[in-house]
Amino acid sequence: MSSRQTPSGITISSFEDRDGWTPLAFGLTQTQIILSEPDNPKSPVLYMTHFPPDTVLPRHHHESPFCDAVVTGSMWVEDDQTWYHAGTVRHVPPLVVYGPTKSGPNGLTLLEFYAQVEGVPATLYYDSMSPEQVEELERYLAQRPARTRE
């Protein structure tokens, strides 16, 4: 990600420059900014997530409560039967299952604010996935480096 630090120690990042963002399953890319102590799993975190056009993310939930804001593009949420456009902010309580979600024809960029880093990983529901999505997820998980906790 293209970011810079000001003389006063403030880090400046842009969601428009995704160079260096982490590739995820389903074609998503993402970067994070830990908002407190980097090694504390209870720290709040901001993710900037980009979805290519017409990308479907299966039903899922997160352990942590979060707010997300649509910055660019649009997002369809099947449970709500609603398109959310730039400027929309959602608050999602912990463990709420939702989706599938789909980015619009111009893609989607979200700012996602999670209360705790440790509650971020999504629990995906395989019964909501097509065989192609399962294959894509398994391919992604097989090539991803193993995560370790110290």
Foldseek 3Di string as FASTA:
>chain_A
DDWDADPVGDIDDDLVDQVPFPADFQRKTKDKDFPDDPQDQQTKMKMKMWFAAFTWDAKWFWQWKKKKAWQAFWKQWVVVRDIGHHPDMDTGHHPDITDRMTTHRHITIMIMITSGNNRPDIDGDCVRDDPVSVVRNVVRVVPDDDDDRD
